[in-house]
Amino acid sequence: MEEENWEKFIEQFKIKYQTIGYIQSPAFSNIQIHFNHYGLRHLLFKIRKLRSRGDIRRRIFLLPYAINILKNDKTVTVLSSICSKEFEDD
C-alpha cells in the first residue's frame, strides 16, 4: 500500500474506532470496556514504536471479532468449559 493510501486508511480507521465508545462485556462481569485513545495507541504502537504495517492491518481486521467475543455472553461459558476440561485432564 502506498504511503498516501496507508495514511488515509489509518485516518479512516481512527475515525471509525472513536465511534465505538464502550461496550458492556458479559465475558468480564459486565464491566464497560472503553475503546479510547489508549486502546488505539495499543493497536498502532508497541513500546512507543510504530508496529509493522502487517501487524497493524491484522489488528484492525480482527478488532470486530474481538468486540463480538467481548459482547457475547456465551464466551464465558465456552472459556469456563475449556478451563475445566484442562483441569480435569491433569
Protein backbone atom coordinates (compact mmCIF):
# COMPACT_ATOMS: atom_id res chain seq x y z
CA MET A 1 0.00 0.00 0.00
CA GLU A 2 1.38 3.38 -0.97
CA GLU A 3 2.24 5.86 1.78
CA GLU A 4 -0.63 8.20 0.91
CA ASN A 5 -3.17 5.38 0.85
CA TRP A 6 -1.78 3.97 4.09
CA GLU A 7 -2.15 7.30 5.89
CA LYS A 8 -5.71 7.67 4.57
CA PHE A 9 -6.52 4.11 5.70
CA ILE A 10 -5.20 4.82 9.22
CA GLU A 11 -7.11 8.14 9.46
CA GLN A 12 -10.35 6.44 8.40
CA PHE A 13 -9.76 3.71 10.95
CA LYS A 14 -9.13 6.26 13.73
CA ILE A 15 -12.45 7.95 12.97
CA LYS A 16 -14.27 4.61 12.95
CA TYR A 17 -12.52 3.47 16.16
CA GLN A 18 -13.60 6.60 18.03
CA THR A 19 -17.25 5.83 17.27
CA ILE A 20 -17.09 2.52 19.19
CA GLY A 21 -17.07 4.24 22.59
CA TYR A 22 -17.56 1.39 25.04
CA ILE A 23 -19.27 -1.98 25.28
CA GLN A 24 -20.69 -4.00 28.17
CA SER A 25 -18.86 -7.29 28.41
CA PRO A 26 -20.52 -10.33 29.98
CA ALA A 27 -17.17 -12.06 29.50
CA PHE A 28 -15.75 -9.71 32.16
CA SER A 29 -18.61 -9.47 34.69
CA ASN A 30 -20.49 -6.88 32.62
CA ILE A 31 -17.88 -4.18 33.05
CA GLN A 32 -17.66 -1.42 30.48
CA ILE A 33 -14.73 -1.82 28.13
CA HIS A 34 -13.79 1.56 26.71
CA PHE A 35 -12.28 1.93 23.27
CA ASN A 36 -10.35 5.15 23.82
CA HIS A 37 -7.04 6.71 22.81
CA TYR A 38 -5.14 4.22 24.99
CA GLY A 39 -6.56 1.28 23.07
CA LEU A 40 -5.99 2.98 19.74
CA ARG A 41 -2.39 3.65 20.68
CA HIS A 42 -2.02 -0.02 21.70
CA LEU A 43 -3.25 -1.13 18.27
CA LEU A 44 -0.77 1.10 16.46
CA PHE A 45 2.28 1.10 18.73
CA LYS A 46 4.34 -1.30 20.81
CA ILE A 47 6.67 0.16 23.43
CA ARG A 48 6.49 3.60 21.78
CA LYS A 49 7.45 2.18 18.37
CA LEU A 50 5.05 2.00 15.46
CA ARG A 51 4.03 -1.59 14.76
CA SER A 52 4.66 -3.03 11.31
CA ARG A 53 2.01 -2.37 8.70
CA GLY A 54 1.16 -6.07 8.57
CA ASP A 55 0.66 -6.20 12.32
CA ILE A 56 -1.49 -3.06 12.31
CA ARG A 57 -3.56 -4.36 9.40
CA ARG A 58 -4.12 -7.69 11.19
CA ARG A 59 -5.16 -5.98 14.43
CA ILE A 60 -7.58 -3.70 12.59
CA PHE A 61 -9.05 -6.65 10.72
CA LEU A 62 -9.52 -8.68 13.93
CA LEU A 63 -10.99 -5.85 16.02
CA PRO A 64 -14.66 -6.51 15.04
CA TYR A 65 -14.22 -10.15 16.05
CA ALA A 66 -12.75 -9.15 19.40
CA ILE A 67 -15.71 -6.84 20.02
CA ASN A 68 -18.17 -9.64 19.21
CA ILE A 69 -16.35 -12.02 21.54
CA LEU A 70 -16.44 -9.47 24.35
CA LYS A 71 -20.16 -8.80 23.81
CA ASN A 72 -21.12 -12.47 23.70
CA ASP A 73 -22.25 -13.97 27.00
CA LYS A 74 -21.53 -17.45 25.63
CA THR A 75 -17.83 -16.60 25.65
CA VAL A 76 -17.82 -17.06 29.41
CA THR A 77 -19.45 -20.49 29.10
CA VAL A 78 -17.03 -21.64 26.42
CA LEU A 79 -13.99 -20.39 28.33
CA SER A 80 -15.24 -21.98 31.54
CA SER A 81 -15.75 -25.34 29.88
CA ILE A 82 -12.32 -25.22 28.24
CA CYS A 83 -10.61 -24.35 31.52
CA SER A 84 -12.48 -27.01 33.49
CA LYS A 85 -11.60 -29.68 30.89
CA GLU A 86 -7.92 -28.74 31.15
CA PHE A 87 -8.01 -29.17 34.93
CA GLU A 88 -9.89 -32.47 34.66
CA ASP A 89 -7.28 -33.87 32.28
CA ASP A 90 -4.44 -33.23 34.76
